Structures are given as C-alpha cells and as structure tokens.
C-alpha atoms as a PDB file:
ATOM      1  CA  MET A   1     294.129  23.971 293.211  1.00  0.00           C
ATOM      2  CA  PRO A   2     294.945  21.562 290.356  1.00  0.00           C
ATOM      3  CA  SER A   3     295.155  23.017 286.871  1.00  0.00           C
ATOM      4  CA  PHE A   4     292.554  22.308 284.217  1.00  0.00           C
ATOM      5  CA  PHE A   5     295.008  19.937 282.534  1.00  0.00           C
ATOM      6  CA  SER A   6     295.804  18.046 285.727  1.00  0.00           C
ATOM      7  CA  ARG A   7     292.117  17.468 286.371  1.00  0.00           C
ATOM      8  CA  LEU A   8     291.605  16.150 282.848  1.00  0.00           C
ATOM      9  CA  PHE A   9     294.489  13.726 282.959  1.00  0.00           C
ATOM     10  CA  ALA A  10     295.046  12.875 286.622  1.00  0.00           C
ATOM     11  CA  ALA A  11     294.482   9.135 286.130  1.00  0.00           C
ATOM     12  CA  LYS A  12     297.207   8.506 283.542  1.00  0.00           C
ATOM     13  CA  PRO A  13     300.178   6.195 284.210  1.00  0.00           C
ATOM     14  CA  ALA A  14     303.443   7.901 285.140  1.00  0.00           C
ATOM     15  CA  ASP A  15     305.041   7.146 281.758  1.00  0.00           C
ATOM     16  CA  GLU A  16     302.083   8.222 279.611  1.00  0.00           C
ATOM     17  CA  ALA A  17     301.159  11.731 278.525  1.00  0.00           C
ATOM     18  CA  GLY A  18     297.562  12.799 278.328  1.00  0.00           C
ATOM     19  CA  TRP A  19     295.796  13.966 275.211  1.00  0.00           C
ATOM     20  CA  ILE A  20     293.841  17.141 274.682  1.00  0.00           C
ATOM     21  CA  ALA A  21     291.536  18.122 271.857  1.00  0.00           C
ATOM     22  CA  GLY A  22     291.817  21.533 270.257  1.00  0.00           C
ATOM     23  CA  GLU A  23     288.367  22.515 271.514  1.00  0.00           C
ATOM     24  CA  ASP A  24     289.508  21.849 275.087  1.00  0.00           C
ATOM     25  CA  LEU A  25     292.868  23.567 274.700  1.00  0.00           C
ATOM     26  CA  ALA A  26     291.727  26.751 272.945  1.00  0.00           C
ATOM     27  CA  PRO A  27     290.028  28.391 275.949  1.00  0.00           C
ATOM     28  CA  HIS A  28     292.965  27.502 278.237  1.00  0.00           C
ATOM     29  CA  LEU A  29     295.959  28.549 276.127  1.00  0.00           C
ATOM     30  CA  ALA A  30     297.004  31.229 278.609  1.00  0.00           C
ATOM     31  CA  GLU A  31     297.482  28.548 281.288  1.00  0.00           C
ATOM     32  CA  ALA A  32     299.824  26.348 279.240  1.00  0.00           C
ATOM     33  CA  LEU A  33     303.352  26.369 277.914  1.00  0.00           C
ATOM     34  CA  VAL A  34     302.834  25.257 274.311  1.00  0.00           C
ATOM     35  CA  ILE A  35     305.858  23.612 272.711  1.00  0.00           C
ATOM     36  CA  ASP A  36     305.817  22.924 268.969  1.00  0.00           C
ATOM     37  CA  VAL A  37     308.324  20.183 268.110  1.00  0.00           C
ATOM     38  CA  ARG A  38     308.199  20.615 264.331  1.00  0.00           C
ATOM     39  CA  GLY A  39     311.146  22.027 262.428  1.00  0.00           C
ATOM     40  CA  PRO A  40     311.434  25.797 261.923  1.00  0.00           C
ATOM     41  CA  GLY A  41     310.204  25.537 258.323  1.00  0.00           C
ATOM     42  CA  GLU A  42     307.034  23.772 259.414  1.00  0.00           C
ATOM     43  CA  PHE A  43     306.564  26.148 262.338  1.00  0.00           C
ATOM     44  CA  ALA A  44     306.629  29.127 259.943  1.00  0.00           C
ATOM     45  CA  GLY A  45     304.983  27.207 257.064  1.00  0.00           C
ATOM     46  CA  PRO A  46     301.451  27.023 255.685  1.00  0.00           C
ATOM     47  CA  LEU A  47     299.888  25.458 258.804  1.00  0.00           C
ATOM     48  CA  GLY A  48     301.530  28.103 260.940  1.00  0.00           C
ATOM     49  CA  HIS A  49     301.640  27.616 264.683  1.00  0.00           C
ATOM     50  CA  ILE A  50     299.572  28.262 267.777  1.00  0.00           C
ATOM     51  CA  ASP A  51     299.952  31.840 268.996  1.00  0.00           C
ATOM     52  CA  GLY A  52     302.461  31.955 271.829  1.00  0.00           C
ATOM     53  CA  ALA A  53     303.933  28.530 271.050  1.00  0.00           C
ATOM     54  CA  ARG A  54     307.652  28.013 271.514  1.00  0.00           C
ATOM     55  CA  ASN A  55     309.436  26.129 268.730  1.00  0.00           C
ATOM     56  CA  ILE A  56     311.794  23.396 269.958  1.00  0.00           C
ATOM     57  CA  PRO A  57     312.308  20.925 267.091  1.00  0.00           C
ATOM     58  CA  LEU A  58     312.290  17.275 268.077  1.00  0.00           C
ATOM     59  CA  ASP A  59     315.883  16.785 266.895  1.00  0.00           C
ATOM     60  CA  VAL A  60     317.096  19.197 269.622  1.00  0.00           C
ATOM     61  CA  PHE A  61     314.341  18.511 272.155  1.00  0.00           C
ATOM     62  CA  ALA A  62     316.429  16.112 274.243  1.00  0.00           C
ATOM     63  CA  GLY A  63     318.768  18.986 275.115  1.00  0.00           C
ATOM     64  CA  GLU A  64     315.843  20.975 276.537  1.00  0.00           C
ATOM     65  CA  THR A  65     314.108  18.129 278.391  1.00  0.00           C
ATOM     66  CA  GLU A  66     315.719  18.697 281.786  1.00  0.00           C
ATOM     67  CA  ALA A  67     314.866  22.407 281.876  1.00  0.00           C
ATOM     68  CA  LEU A  68     311.341  21.831 280.567  1.00  0.00           C
ATOM     69  CA  SER A  69     310.668  19.083 283.103  1.00  0.00           C
ATOM     70  CA  LYS A  70     311.129  21.686 285.861  1.00  0.00           C
ATOM     71  CA  HIS A  71     308.414  23.931 284.427  1.00  0.00           C
ATOM     72  CA  GLN A  72     305.715  24.664 286.982  1.00  0.00           C
ATOM     73  CA  GLY A  73     302.451  24.302 285.118  1.00  0.00           C
ATOM     74  CA  PRO A  74     300.969  22.466 282.175  1.00  0.00           C
ATOM     75  CA  ILE A  75     302.970  21.761 279.045  1.00  0.00           C
ATOM     76  CA  VAL A  76     301.172  21.032 275.798  1.00  0.00           C
ATOM     77  CA  LEU A  77     303.164  19.507 272.960  1.00  0.00           C
ATOM     78  CA  VAL A  78     302.177  19.885 269.323  1.00  0.00           C
ATOM     79  CA  CYS A  79     303.488  18.826 265.921  1.00  0.00           C
ATOM     80  CA  HIS A  80     302.030  18.208 262.452  1.00  0.00           C
ATOM     81  CA  THR A  81     299.742  15.350 263.541  1.00  0.00           C
ATOM     82  CA  ASP A  82     300.716  14.020 266.982  1.00  0.00           C
ATOM     83  CA  ARG A  83     303.484  11.459 266.485  1.00  0.00           C
ATOM     84  CA  ARG A  84     306.522  13.640 267.170  1.00  0.00           C
ATOM     85  CA  SER A  85     304.801  15.422 270.035  1.00  0.00           C
ATOM     86  CA  SER A  86     303.974  12.034 271.581  1.00  0.00           C
ATOM     87  CA  ALA A  87     307.668  11.103 271.431  1.00  0.00           C
ATOM     88  CA  ALA A  88     308.621  14.417 273.042  1.00  0.00           C
ATOM     89  CA  ALA A  89     306.005  13.854 275.749  1.00  0.00           C
ATOM     90  CA  ALA A  90     307.548  10.483 276.583  1.00  0.00           C
ATOM     91  CA  HIS A  91     310.935  12.182 277.084  1.00  0.00           C
ATOM     92  CA  LEU A  92     309.403  14.798 279.375  1.00  0.00           C
ATOM     93  CA  ARG A  93     307.487  12.244 281.428  1.00  0.00           C
ATOM     94  CA  ALA A  94     310.644  10.145 281.818  1.00  0.00           C
ATOM     95  CA  ALA A  95     312.466  13.272 283.036  1.00  0.00           C
ATOM     96  CA  GLY A  96     309.840  13.784 285.732  1.00  0.00           C
ATOM     97  CA  ALA A  97     307.413  16.276 284.196  1.00  0.00           C
ATOM     98  CA  SER A  98     303.954  15.591 285.557  1.00  0.00           C
ATOM     99  CA  ASP A  99     301.602  17.883 283.646  1.00  0.00           C
ATOM    100  CA  VAL A 100     302.264  16.993 279.995  1.00  0.00           C
ATOM    101  CA  THR A 101     299.629  16.726 277.301  1.00  0.00           C
ATOM    102  CA  VAL A 102     299.683  16.207 273.540  1.00  0.00           C
ATOM    103  CA  LEU A 103     297.398  18.074 271.175  1.00  0.00           C
ATOM    104  CA  ARG A 104     295.426  15.286 269.506  1.00  0.00           C
ATOM    105  CA  GLY A 105     295.782  15.547 265.740  1.00  0.00           C
ATOM    106  CA  GLY A 106     298.386  18.320 265.976  1.00  0.00           C
ATOM    107  CA  MET A 107     298.286  21.375 263.742  1.00  0.00           C
ATOM    108  CA  VAL A 108     296.354  19.488 261.077  1.00  0.00           C
ATOM    109  CA  ALA A 109     293.427  19.057 263.476  1.00  0.00           C
ATOM    110  CA  TRP A 110     293.873  22.541 264.972  1.00  0.00           C
ATOM    111  CA  ARG A 111     293.545  24.155 261.532  1.00  0.00           C
ATOM    112  CA  SER A 112     290.767  21.832 260.331  1.00  0.00           C
ATOM    113  CA  GLU A 113     288.760  22.998 263.357  1.00  0.00           C
ATOM    114  CA  GLY A 114     289.123  26.584 262.151  1.00  0.00           C
ATOM    115  CA  ARG A 115     291.721  27.721 264.647  1.00  0.00           C
END
C-alpha cells in the first residue's frame, strides 16, 4: 500500500521533489524520516526543530545522500524557509530516492502555524 506521501506526490517528475504543507505533515510525522538541513546553531536556535528530526546540515548532506537514498519510506526535508531543503531534495532525487518531500515554508511556516 503506498504511503500517504507517495499518494500525494505520485505524479511528480523523477527529478522533482514534492511539497508538503505543515498541516498535512503534522498528523503523519511518525511515518516520515524528517531531515533538517540547517546548521546545528539554527537547529537548536529560537525556531527549534520538529520533534524527531535528524540534523544533517546542507554543507555535509552530500556525504549522506547515498545512505539516505536507500531509506525505505518517506523522507521530508526542512530548513529555515525551503530553499536549502529543496537543494537537498534534488540531491536525493538524483541519487534515486523516490519518496522525498520538502516542507513548504520550512520552520518559519511550521512555527507561524503554531507547531
């Protein structure tokens, strides 16, 4: 049975990650591997991070791409807004990951929505 994320974004081109809004992600966090590509200071900073997120800063992300692309299940990428996470998503898609989404608006949107 396809995951929630696969059903949402099944029609995307092979080189393009899907997008997910915070309201759609929140009830499905347990199903996803959430990767925050901000630096450690941002991850621990005032905006905080999504509970359970793994911090892999974008400047070292390329070294993790191969292992992450083998992950069985949805991967959601997040950053401050969504620019860095979009770049990380492109790397994952190019490495063969098929269930990759980007949190639209990043942590700024997540927090502004009261999460």
